[in-house]
C-alpha atoms as a PDB file:
ATOM      1  CA  UNK A   1       0.000   0.000   0.000  1.00  0.00           C
ATOM      2  CA  UNK A   2       1.587   3.340  -1.014  1.00  0.00           C
ATOM      3  CA  UNK A   3       2.232   5.957   1.634  1.00  0.00           C
ATOM      4  CA  UNK A   4       0.085   9.092   1.506  1.00  0.00           C
ATOM      5  CA  UNK A   5       1.810  12.287   0.372  1.00  0.00           C
ATOM      6  CA  UNK A   6       1.268  13.774   3.806  1.00  0.00           C
ATOM      7  CA  UNK A   7       3.676  11.202   5.306  1.00  0.00           C
ATOM      8  CA  UNK A   8       6.641  13.329   4.255  1.00  0.00           C
ATOM      9  CA  UNK A   9       5.181  16.610   5.468  1.00  0.00           C
ATOM     10  CA  UNK A  10       7.270  18.172   8.216  1.00  0.00           C
ATOM     11  CA  UNK A  11       6.391  21.783   8.984  1.00  0.00           C
ATOM     12  CA  UNK A  12       9.675  22.437  10.817  1.00  0.00           C
ATOM     13  CA  UNK A  13      11.800  21.488   7.798  1.00  0.00           C
ATOM     14  CA  UNK A  14      13.794  24.469   6.539  1.00  0.00           C
ATOM     15  CA  UNK A  15      17.218  25.458   5.363  1.00  0.00           C
ATOM     16  CA  UNK A  16      19.676  26.183   8.161  1.00  0.00           C
ATOM     17  CA  UNK A  17      20.906  24.520  11.317  1.00  0.00           C
ATOM     18  CA  UNK A  18      19.024  22.417  13.837  1.00  0.00           C
ATOM     19  CA  UNK A  19      18.986  25.226  16.394  1.00  0.00           C
ATOM     20  CA  UNK A  20      18.612  28.998  16.446  1.00  0.00           C
ATOM     21  CA  UNK A  21      21.327  29.865  18.950  1.00  0.00           C
ATOM     22  CA  UNK A  22      23.507  31.614  16.374  1.00  0.00           C
ATOM     23  CA  UNK A  23      23.845  32.230  12.652  1.00  0.00           C
ATOM     24  CA  UNK A  24      26.268  30.195  10.593  1.00  0.00           C
ATOM     25  CA  UNK A  25      29.218  32.255   9.427  1.00  0.00           C
ATOM     26  CA  UNK A  26      32.376  31.754   7.380  1.00  0.00           C
ATOM     27  CA  UNK A  27      35.171  33.265   9.465  1.00  0.00           C
ATOM     28  CA  UNK A  28      37.180  34.122   6.362  1.00  0.00           C
ATOM     29  CA  UNK A  29      34.393  36.357   5.055  1.00  0.00           C
ATOM     30  CA  UNK A  30      33.744  38.337   8.225  1.00  0.00           C
ATOM     31  CA  UNK A  31      34.742  41.914   8.838  1.00  0.00           C
ATOM     32  CA  UNK A  32      38.366  41.879  10.096  1.00  0.00           C
ATOM     33  CA  UNK A  33      38.811  42.178  13.852  1.00  0.00           C
ATOM     34  CA  UNK A  34      41.345  44.682  15.180  1.00  0.00           C
ATOM     35  CA  UNK A  35      42.834  44.040  18.585  1.00  0.00           C
ATOM     36  CA  UNK A  36      44.241  46.780  20.852  1.00  0.00           C
ATOM     37  CA  UNK A  37      47.582  48.176  19.741  1.00  0.00           C
ATOM     38  CA  UNK A  38      47.175  46.625  16.310  1.00  0.00           C
ATOM     39  CA  UNK A  39      47.849  43.130  17.667  1.00  0.00           C
ATOM     40  CA  UNK A  40      47.328  40.220  15.311  1.00  0.00           C
ATOM     41  CA  UNK A  41      46.699  37.579  17.981  1.00  0.00           C
ATOM     42  CA  UNK A  42      44.785  37.786  21.244  1.00  0.00           C
ATOM     43  CA  UNK A  43      46.388  35.129  23.450  1.00  0.00           C
ATOM     44  CA  UNK A  44      43.797  33.749  25.860  1.00  0.00           C
ATOM     45  CA  UNK A  45      45.268  31.581  28.637  1.00  0.00           C
ATOM     46  CA  UNK A  46      42.561  29.764  30.626  1.00  0.00           C
ATOM     47  CA  UNK A  47      43.647  27.615  33.567  1.00  0.00           C
ATOM     48  CA  UNK A  48      41.070  25.205  34.993  1.00  0.00           C
ATOM     49  CA  UNK A  49      41.019  24.876  38.796  1.00  0.00           C
ATOM     50  CA  UNK A  50      38.787  21.952  39.680  1.00  0.00           C
ATOM     51  CA  UNK A  51      37.397  19.939  42.584  1.00  0.00           C
ATOM     52  CA  UNK A  52      36.366  16.324  41.921  1.00  0.00           C
ATOM     53  CA  UNK A  53      34.214  15.055  44.830  1.00  0.00           C
ATOM     54  CA  UNK A  54      34.958  11.584  46.134  1.00  0.00           C
ATOM     55  CA  UNK A  55      31.244  10.737  45.862  1.00  0.00           C
ATOM     56  CA  UNK A  56      30.644  12.289  42.448  1.00  0.00           C
ATOM     57  CA  UNK A  57      27.642  10.699  40.714  1.00  0.00           C
ATOM     58  CA  UNK A  58      28.055   8.541  37.622  1.00  0.00           C
ATOM     59  CA  UNK A  59      24.721   9.583  36.064  1.00  0.00           C
ATOM     60  CA  UNK A  60      23.878  10.956  33.627  1.00  0.00           C
ATOM     61  CA  UNK A  61      27.637  11.034  32.943  1.00  0.00           C
ATOM     62  CA  UNK A  62      30.879  12.003  34.591  1.00  0.00           C
ATOM     63  CA  UNK A  63      32.842  15.056  33.574  1.00  0.00           C
ATOM     64  CA  UNK A  64      36.138  14.385  31.748  1.00  0.00           C
ATOM     65  CA  UNK A  65      38.925  13.654  34.211  1.00  0.00           C
ATOM     66  CA  UNK A  66      36.476  12.224  36.740  1.00  0.00           C
ATOM     67  CA  UNK A  67      37.451   9.669  39.378  1.00  0.00           C
ATOM     68  CA  UNK A  68      37.183   6.173  37.956  1.00  0.00           C
ATOM     69  CA  UNK A  69      38.310   3.672  40.623  1.00  0.00           C
ATOM     70  CA  UNK A  70      36.072   2.036  43.265  1.00  0.00           C
ATOM     71  CA  UNK A  71      34.977   4.332  46.111  1.00  0.00           C
ATOM     72  CA  UNK A  72      36.842   5.931  47.804  1.00  0.00           C
ATOM     73  CA  UNK A  73      39.108   6.696  44.845  1.00  0.00           C
ATOM     74  CA  UNK A  74      41.974   8.396  46.665  1.00  0.00           C
ATOM     75  CA  UNK A  75      44.349   7.601  43.802  1.00  0.00           C
ATOM     76  CA  UNK A  76      42.727   9.993  41.352  1.00  0.00           C
ATOM     77  CA  UNK A  77      41.197  12.300  43.977  1.00  0.00           C
ATOM     78  CA  UNK A  78      44.641  13.236  45.249  1.00  0.00           C
ATOM     79  CA  UNK A  79      46.047  13.455  41.729  1.00  0.00           C
ATOM     80  CA  UNK A  80      43.374  16.022  40.836  1.00  0.00           C
ATOM     81  CA  UNK A  81      43.763  17.766  44.186  1.00  0.00           C
ATOM     82  CA  UNK A  82      47.473  18.246  43.424  1.00  0.00           C
ATOM     83  CA  UNK A  83      46.339  21.062  41.160  1.00  0.00           C
ATOM     84  CA  UNK A  84      44.734  22.917  44.079  1.00  0.00           C
ATOM     85  CA  UNK A  85      47.640  22.414  46.492  1.00  0.00           C
ATOM     86  CA  UNK A  86      50.617  22.897  44.166  1.00  0.00           C
ATOM     87  CA  UNK A  87      49.860  23.021  40.457  1.00  0.00           C
ATOM     88  CA  UNK A  88      47.872  26.250  40.411  1.00  0.00           C
ATOM     89  CA  UNK A  89      50.612  28.084  42.291  1.00  0.00           C
ATOM     90  CA  UNK A  90      53.252  26.760  39.903  1.00  0.00           C
ATOM     91  CA  UNK A  91      51.255  28.086  36.933  1.00  0.00           C
ATOM     92  CA  UNK A  92      50.761  31.408  38.724  1.00  0.00           C
ATOM     93  CA  UNK A  93      54.506  31.719  39.316  1.00  0.00           C
ATOM     94  CA  UNK A  94      55.241  31.016  35.662  1.00  0.00           C
ATOM     95  CA  UNK A  95      52.739  33.606  34.461  1.00  0.00           C
ATOM     96  CA  UNK A  96      54.195  36.127  36.903  1.00  0.00           C
ATOM     97  CA  UNK A  97      57.730  35.384  35.706  1.00  0.00           C
ATOM     98  CA  UNK A  98      56.630  36.042  32.128  1.00  0.00           C
ATOM     99  CA  UNK A  99      54.547  39.117  32.983  1.00  0.00           C
ATOM    100  CA  UNK A 100      51.307  37.558  31.728  1.00  0.00           C
ATOM    101  CA  UNK A 101      47.702  37.958  32.824  1.00  0.00           C
ATOM    102  CA  UNK A 102      45.114  35.314  32.097  1.00  0.00           C
ATOM    103  CA  UNK A 103      41.861  33.762  33.259  1.00  0.00           C
ATOM    104  CA  UNK A 104      41.315  31.039  35.839  1.00  0.00           C
ATOM    105  CA  UNK A 105      38.151  28.947  35.451  1.00  0.00           C
ATOM    106  CA  UNK A 106      37.427  27.941  39.041  1.00  0.00           C
ATOM    107  CA  UNK A 107      34.768  25.644  40.506  1.00  0.00           C
ATOM    108  CA  UNK A 108      32.578  27.615  42.883  1.00  0.00           C
ATOM    109  CA  UNK A 109      33.284  25.276  45.808  1.00  0.00           C
ATOM    110  CA  UNK A 110      36.996  26.139  45.555  1.00  0.00           C
ATOM    111  CA  UNK A 111      36.174  29.584  46.957  1.00  0.00           C
ATOM    112  CA  UNK A 112      34.888  27.876  50.120  1.00  0.00           C
ATOM    113  CA  UNK A 113      37.336  24.952  50.304  1.00  0.00           C
ATOM    114  CA  UNK A 114      40.513  26.698  49.156  1.00  0.00           C
ATOM    115  CA  UNK A 115      40.017  30.474  49.550  1.00  0.00           C
ATOM    116  CA  UNK A 116      43.797  30.985  49.345  1.00  0.00           C
ATOM    117  CA  UNK A 117      43.668  29.792  45.732  1.00  0.00           C
ATOM    118  CA  UNK A 118      41.131  32.446  44.753  1.00  0.00           C
ATOM    119  CA  UNK A 119      43.104  35.129  46.621  1.00  0.00           C
ATOM    120  CA  UNK A 120      46.308  34.140  44.847  1.00  0.00           C
ATOM    121  CA  UNK A 121      44.612  34.343  41.455  1.00  0.00           C
ATOM    122  CA  UNK A 122      43.186  37.780  42.212  1.00  0.00           C
ATOM    123  CA  UNK A 123      46.432  39.062  43.755  1.00  0.00           C
ATOM    124  CA  UNK A 124      48.239  37.959  40.596  1.00  0.00           C
ATOM    125  CA  UNK A 125      46.046  40.271  38.542  1.00  0.00           C
ATOM    126  CA  UNK A 126      44.108  37.489  36.859  1.00  0.00           C
ATOM    127  CA  UNK A 127      40.445  37.082  36.015  1.00  0.00           C
ATOM    128  CA  UNK A 128      38.135  34.631  37.785  1.00  0.00           C
ATOM    129  CA  UNK A 129      35.759  32.674  35.536  1.00  0.00           C
ATOM    130  CA  UNK A 130      32.954  30.557  37.018  1.00  0.00           C
ATOM    131  CA  UNK A 131      33.508  26.868  36.256  1.00  0.00           C
ATOM    132  CA  UNK A 132      30.301  25.478  37.716  1.00  0.00           C
ATOM    133  CA  UNK A 133      29.939  24.432  41.334  1.00  0.00           C
ATOM    134  CA  UNK A 134      32.148  21.322  41.263  1.00  0.00           C
ATOM    135  CA  UNK A 135      33.081  18.668  38.714  1.00  0.00           C
ATOM    136  CA  UNK A 136      30.378  16.334  40.011  1.00  0.00           C
ATOM    137  CA  UNK A 137      27.580  18.714  39.044  1.00  0.00           C
ATOM    138  CA  UNK A 138      27.401  18.615  35.269  1.00  0.00           C
ATOM    139  CA  UNK A 139      24.752  20.543  33.382  1.00  0.00           C
ATOM    140  CA  UNK A 140      22.269  18.567  31.279  1.00  0.00           C
ATOM    141  CA  UNK A 141      18.660  18.737  30.203  1.00  0.00           C
ATOM    142  CA  UNK A 142      17.591  16.205  32.811  1.00  0.00           C
ATOM    143  CA  UNK A 143      17.958  18.868  35.493  1.00  0.00           C
ATOM    144  CA  UNK A 144      14.915  20.909  36.375  1.00  0.00           C
ATOM    145  CA  UNK A 145      15.203  24.591  35.574  1.00  0.00           C
ATOM    146  CA  UNK A 146      15.125  25.418  39.283  1.00  0.00           C
ATOM    147  CA  UNK A 147      17.893  22.946  40.132  1.00  0.00           C
ATOM    148  CA  UNK A 148      20.188  24.111  37.324  1.00  0.00           C
ATOM    149  CA  UNK A 149      19.523  27.754  38.148  1.00  0.00           C
ATOM    150  CA  UNK A 150      20.458  27.076  41.776  1.00  0.00           C
ATOM    151  CA  UNK A 151      23.770  25.459  40.770  1.00  0.00           C
ATOM    152  CA  UNK A 152      24.671  28.418  38.550  1.00  0.00           C
ATOM    153  CA  UNK A 153      23.619  30.969  41.147  1.00  0.00           C
ATOM    154  CA  UNK A 154      25.554  29.218  43.947  1.00  0.00           C
ATOM    155  CA  UNK A 155      28.747  29.008  41.878  1.00  0.00           C
ATOM    156  CA  UNK A 156      28.565  32.674  40.927  1.00  0.00           C
ATOM    157  CA  UNK A 157      27.727  33.771  44.475  1.00  0.00           C
ATOM    158  CA  UNK A 158      30.718  31.946  45.955  1.00  0.00           C
ATOM    159  CA  UNK A 159      33.189  33.194  43.353  1.00  0.00           C
ATOM    160  CA  UNK A 160      31.931  36.772  43.309  1.00  0.00           C
ATOM    161  CA  UNK A 161      32.156  36.970  47.097  1.00  0.00           C
ATOM    162  CA  UNK A 162      35.522  35.218  47.237  1.00  0.00           C
ATOM    163  CA  UNK A 163      37.177  37.208  44.465  1.00  0.00           C
ATOM    164  CA  UNK A 164      35.554  40.609  44.709  1.00  0.00           C
ATOM    165  CA  UNK A 165      35.212  40.509  40.921  1.00  0.00           C
ATOM    166  CA  UNK A 166      32.033  40.765  38.852  1.00  0.00           C
ATOM    167  CA  UNK A 167      32.627  37.233  37.448  1.00  0.00           C
ATOM    168  CA  UNK A 168      30.779  37.601  34.152  1.00  0.00           C
ATOM    169  CA  UNK A 169      32.342  34.596  32.386  1.00  0.00           C
ATOM    170  CA  UNK A 170      31.369  30.922  32.552  1.00  0.00           C
ATOM    171  CA  UNK A 171      32.796  27.510  31.673  1.00  0.00           C
ATOM    172  CA  UNK A 172      30.571  24.513  32.435  1.00  0.00           C
ATOM    173  CA  UNK A 173      32.113  21.382  33.993  1.00  0.00           C
ATOM    174  CA  UNK A 174      32.968  19.162  31.049  1.00  0.00           C
ATOM    175  CA  UNK A 175      31.697  21.972  28.774  1.00  0.00           C
ATOM    176  CA  UNK A 176      28.290  20.343  29.173  1.00  0.00           C
ATOM    177  CA  UNK A 177      25.076  22.321  28.735  1.00  0.00           C
ATOM    178  CA  UNK A 178      21.377  21.576  28.791  1.00  0.00           C
ATOM    179  CA  UNK A 179      18.856  23.204  26.467  1.00  0.00           C
ATOM    180  CA  UNK A 180      18.135  25.964  29.001  1.00  0.00           C
ATOM    181  CA  UNK A 181      21.705  26.611  30.174  1.00  0.00           C
ATOM    182  CA  UNK A 182      22.365  29.717  28.006  1.00  0.00           C
ATOM    183  CA  UNK A 183      19.172  31.392  29.268  1.00  0.00           C
ATOM    184  CA  UNK A 184      20.043  30.624  32.879  1.00  0.00           C
ATOM    185  CA  UNK A 185      23.565  31.958  32.468  1.00  0.00           C
ATOM    186  CA  UNK A 186      22.321  35.217  30.965  1.00  0.00           C
ATOM    187  CA  UNK A 187      19.667  35.504  33.685  1.00  0.00           C
ATOM    188  CA  UNK A 188      22.387  35.260  36.343  1.00  0.00           C
ATOM    189  CA  UNK A 189      24.501  38.034  34.872  1.00  0.00           C
ATOM    190  CA  UNK A 190      26.889  35.967  32.758  1.00  0.00           C
ATOM    191  CA  UNK A 191      27.936  37.859  29.624  1.00  0.00           C
ATOM    192  CA  UNK A 192      30.123  35.265  27.908  1.00  0.00           C
ATOM    193  CA  UNK A 193      30.888  31.564  28.088  1.00  0.00           C
ATOM    194  CA  UNK A 194      33.622  29.178  26.962  1.00  0.00           C
ATOM    195  CA  UNK A 195      31.639  25.987  26.394  1.00  0.00           C
ATOM    196  CA  UNK A 196      31.400  26.010  22.593  1.00  0.00           C
ATOM    197  CA  UNK A 197      34.519  25.071  20.640  1.00  0.00           C
ATOM    198  CA  UNK A 198      33.441  25.832  17.071  1.00  0.00           C
ATOM    199  CA  UNK A 199      35.278  29.059  16.227  1.00  0.00           C
ATOM    200  CA  UNK A 200      38.563  30.944  16.501  1.00  0.00           C
ATOM    201  CA  UNK A 201      36.733  34.231  17.098  1.00  0.00           C
ATOM    202  CA  UNK A 202      33.949  35.270  19.459  1.00  0.00           C
ATOM    203  CA  UNK A 203      30.376  35.222  18.197  1.00  0.00           C
ATOM    204  CA  UNK A 204      27.038  36.204  19.654  1.00  0.00           C
ATOM    205  CA  UNK A 205      24.544  33.597  20.821  1.00  0.00           C
ATOM    206  CA  UNK A 206      20.820  34.228  21.151  1.00  0.00           C
ATOM    207  CA  UNK A 207      18.967  33.503  24.391  1.00  0.00           C
ATOM    208  CA  UNK A 208      15.517  34.410  25.666  1.00  0.00           C
ATOM    209  CA  UNK A 209      17.282  36.424  28.395  1.00  0.00           C
ATOM    210  CA  UNK A 210      19.433  38.478  26.008  1.00  0.00           C
ATOM    211  CA  UNK A 211      22.667  37.946  24.082  1.00  0.00           C
ATOM    212  CA  UNK A 212      25.513  35.728  25.302  1.00  0.00           C
ATOM    213  CA  UNK A 213      28.958  35.889  23.741  1.00  0.00           C
ATOM    214  CA  UNK A 214      30.634  32.579  22.885  1.00  0.00           C
ATOM    215  CA  UNK A 215      34.387  32.898  23.422  1.00  0.00           C
ATOM    216  CA  UNK A 216      36.901  30.520  21.795  1.00  0.00           C
ATOM    217  CA  UNK A 217      38.381  27.749  23.906  1.00  0.00           C
ATOM    218  CA  UNK A 218      40.340  25.154  21.941  1.00  0.00           C
ATOM    219  CA  UNK A 219      39.522  21.514  22.578  1.00  0.00           C
ATOM    220  CA  UNK A 220      42.062  19.495  20.637  1.00  0.00           C
ATOM    221  CA  UNK A 221      45.069  21.410  22.041  1.00  0.00           C
ATOM    222  CA  UNK A 222      43.725  21.402  25.601  1.00  0.00           C
ATOM    223  CA  UNK A 223      46.528  20.020  27.817  1.00  0.00           C
ATOM    224  CA  UNK A 224      44.263  17.451  29.495  1.00  0.00           C
ATOM    225  CA  UNK A 225      42.791  16.248  26.203  1.00  0.00           C
ATOM    226  CA  UNK A 226      46.199  15.840  24.566  1.00  0.00           C
ATOM    227  CA  UNK A 227      47.702  14.016  27.556  1.00  0.00           C
ATOM    228  CA  UNK A 228      44.765  11.960  28.875  1.00  0.00           C
ATOM    229  CA  UNK A 229      42.631  11.312  25.790  1.00  0.00           C
ATOM    230  CA  UNK A 230      45.082  11.329  22.889  1.00  0.00           C
ATOM    231  CA  UNK A 231      48.000   9.976  24.983  1.00  0.00           C
ATOM    232  CA  UNK A 232      50.463  12.292  23.288  1.00  0.00           C
ATOM    233  CA  UNK A 233      53.710  13.364  24.923  1.00  0.00           C
ATOM    234  CA  UNK A 234      54.500  16.819  26.269  1.00  0.00           C
ATOM    235  CA  UNK A 235      56.806  17.671  23.325  1.00  0.00           C
ATOM    236  CA  UNK A 236      53.983  16.670  20.974  1.00  0.00           C
ATOM    237  CA  UNK A 237      51.612  19.013  22.830  1.00  0.00           C
ATOM    238  CA  UNK A 238      54.074  21.883  22.507  1.00  0.00           C
ATOM    239  CA  UNK A 239      54.380  21.253  18.765  1.00  0.00           C
ATOM    240  CA  UNK A 240      50.607  21.152  18.372  1.00  0.00           C
ATOM    241  CA  UNK A 241      50.263  24.479  20.206  1.00  0.00           C
ATOM    242  CA  UNK A 242      52.973  26.002  18.012  1.00  0.00           C
ATOM    243  CA  UNK A 243      51.332  24.676  14.856  1.00  0.00           C
ATOM    244  CA  UNK A 244      47.947  26.051  15.883  1.00  0.00           C
ATOM    245  CA  UNK A 245      49.489  29.431  16.617  1.00  0.00           C
ATOM    246  CA  UNK A 246      51.412  29.493  13.336  1.00  0.00           C
ATOM    247  CA  UNK A 247      48.273  28.987  11.250  1.00  0.00           C
ATOM    248  CA  UNK A 248      46.300  31.633  13.145  1.00  0.00           C
ATOM    249  CA  UNK A 249      49.200  34.075  12.978  1.00  0.00           C
ATOM    250  CA  UNK A 250      49.530  33.550   9.224  1.00  0.00           C
ATOM    251  CA  UNK A 251      45.787  34.013   8.698  1.00  0.00           C
ATOM    252  CA  UNK A 252      45.765  37.204  10.742  1.00  0.00           C
ATOM    253  CA  UNK A 253      47.988  38.961   8.200  1.00  0.00           C
ATOM    254  CA  UNK A 254      45.227  38.729   5.580  1.00  0.00           C
ATOM    255  CA  UNK A 255      41.965  38.268   7.457  1.00  0.00           C
ATOM    256  CA  UNK A 256      42.337  40.257  10.677  1.00  0.00           C
ATOM    257  CA  UNK A 257      42.795  39.387  14.321  1.00  0.00           C
ATOM    258  CA  UNK A 258      42.453  35.888  15.706  1.00  0.00           C
ATOM    259  CA  UNK A 259      42.130  34.398  19.204  1.00  0.00           C
ATOM    260  CA  UNK A 260      44.739  31.847  20.238  1.00  0.00           C
ATOM    261  CA  UNK A 261      43.173  30.061  23.194  1.00  0.00           C
ATOM    262  CA  UNK A 262      45.353  27.966  25.480  1.00  0.00           C
ATOM    263  CA  UNK A 263      43.320  25.756  27.867  1.00  0.00           C
ATOM    264  CA  UNK A 264      45.330  24.479  30.821  1.00  0.00           C
ATOM    265  CA  UNK A 265      44.539  22.449  33.945  1.00  0.00           C
ATOM    266  CA  UNK A 266      46.308  23.109  37.212  1.00  0.00           C
ATOM    267  CA  UNK A 267      46.567  19.342  37.823  1.00  0.00           C
ATOM    268  CA  UNK A 268      48.066  18.752  34.354  1.00  0.00           C
ATOM    269  CA  UNK A 269      50.351  21.620  33.325  1.00  0.00           C
ATOM    270  CA  UNK A 270      51.102  22.366  36.970  1.00  0.00           C
ATOM    271  CA  UNK A 271      53.084  19.129  37.252  1.00  0.00           C
ATOM    272  CA  UNK A 272      56.874  19.619  37.645  1.00  0.00           C
ATOM    273  CA  UNK A 273      57.706  17.738  34.463  1.00  0.00           C
ATOM    274  CA  UNK A 274      55.144  19.635  32.381  1.00  0.00           C
ATOM    275  CA  UNK A 275      55.465  23.253  33.480  1.00  0.00           C
ATOM    276  CA  UNK A 276      58.665  23.856  31.526  1.00  0.00           C
ATOM    277  CA  UNK A 277      56.917  22.683  28.362  1.00  0.00           C
ATOM    278  CA  UNK A 278      54.287  25.318  29.096  1.00  0.00           C
ATOM    279  CA  UNK A 279      57.055  27.893  29.406  1.00  0.00           C
ATOM    280  CA  UNK A 280      58.399  26.807  26.026  1.00  0.00           C
ATOM    281  CA  UNK A 281      55.000  27.081  24.323  1.00  0.00           C
ATOM    282  CA  UNK A 282      54.340  30.527  25.782  1.00  0.00           C
ATOM    283  CA  UNK A 283      57.824  31.748  24.945  1.00  0.00           C
ATOM    284  CA  UNK A 284      57.418  30.690  21.333  1.00  0.00           C
ATOM    285  CA  UNK A 285      54.187  32.635  20.890  1.00  0.00           C
ATOM    286  CA  UNK A 286      55.404  35.723  22.729  1.00  0.00           C
ATOM    287  CA  UNK A 287      58.499  35.891  20.508  1.00  0.00           C
ATOM    288  CA  UNK A 288      56.236  36.994  17.647  1.00  0.00           C
ATOM    289  CA  UNK A 289      55.264  40.612  17.074  1.00  0.00           C
ATOM    290  CA  UNK A 290      51.650  41.576  17.575  1.00  0.00           C
ATOM    291  CA  UNK A 291      50.654  39.147  20.331  1.00  0.00           C
ATOM    292  CA  UNK A 292      48.339  40.657  22.945  1.00  0.00           C
ATOM    293  CA  UNK A 293      47.854  38.524  26.070  1.00  0.00           C
ATOM    294  CA  UNK A 294      44.751  39.343  28.104  1.00  0.00           C
ATOM    295  CA  UNK A 295      42.040  37.763  30.254  1.00  0.00           C
ATOM    296  CA  UNK A 296      39.051  36.462  28.324  1.00  0.00           C
ATOM    297  CA  UNK A 297      36.806  39.246  29.602  1.00  0.00           C
ATOM    298  CA  UNK A 298      39.068  41.920  28.135  1.00  0.00           C
ATOM    299  CA  UNK A 299      39.196  40.105  24.809  1.00  0.00           C
ATOM    300  CA  UNK A 300      35.382  39.870  24.856  1.00  0.00           C
ATOM    301  CA  UNK A 301      35.093  43.598  25.551  1.00  0.00           C
ATOM    302  CA  UNK A 302      37.529  44.449  22.752  1.00  0.00           C
ATOM    303  CA  UNK A 303      35.524  42.301  20.350  1.00  0.00           C
ATOM    304  CA  UNK A 304      32.144  43.698  21.422  1.00  0.00           C
ATOM    305  CA  UNK A 305      33.429  47.257  21.032  1.00  0.00           C
ATOM    306  CA  UNK A 306      33.873  46.724  17.280  1.00  0.00           C
ATOM    307  CA  UNK A 307      30.357  45.589  16.454  1.00  0.00           C
END
């Protein structure tokens, strides 16, 4: 029996993407971006400072880097906690030595558990970015709106009080979002987020609560991803960072400014045998003319000021 013609009717079918969060855009055809001082590259260094609870839930999924041994998993708990006791301070010292300011994406509970970490970040002249409440509380569409809103509000409250900063940037644990997450972020005073990894320039996202700027944060040259997912060596990571920078730097001569994002984790790059590779990667990029290093919020403001 033949199917009726109406079987193929689908009123939502249209040209475009499967969501209306942002318009598709070819980066090479956009109006060129000009960074302060005529810089070609905005270098965005984002260091993750994370707390992985011993009793973190396994459902609906665990954030990348989560504890994986039977409870209580002190093996990986203490490995991750190394970043909060030592690694973050090692990264801070390196940035200070090189005269660099960056952003630190910090779980909200760190402000209560390790207030000295937040103070050290602020005293170093760096920007605090909200990184959820802890790595056990991932955002997903199974959460009620009230529950997700409470997690976001608690994280922002703790970090704003602990840092004395406005804290207008956000990075979700595991970069995970639910369908309502952008609205809830905007509702809570977040102006930009780092969850989406599909561009080398900022772009505006649409939410029912107003615009939200998506800021670049590389995934495939993230130190944790390269080391723990791709199982590449530290010299290979450095080469990948250099290669990424080289392409962006070359493009910037013809197409305008680019963002070179460098995602770090205090429990990865803060290790003694890795921190000198970080120094090498930073030194390579800074040896080029026209590299402006700034916290993500300042890069976002510079971008927004050109629209």
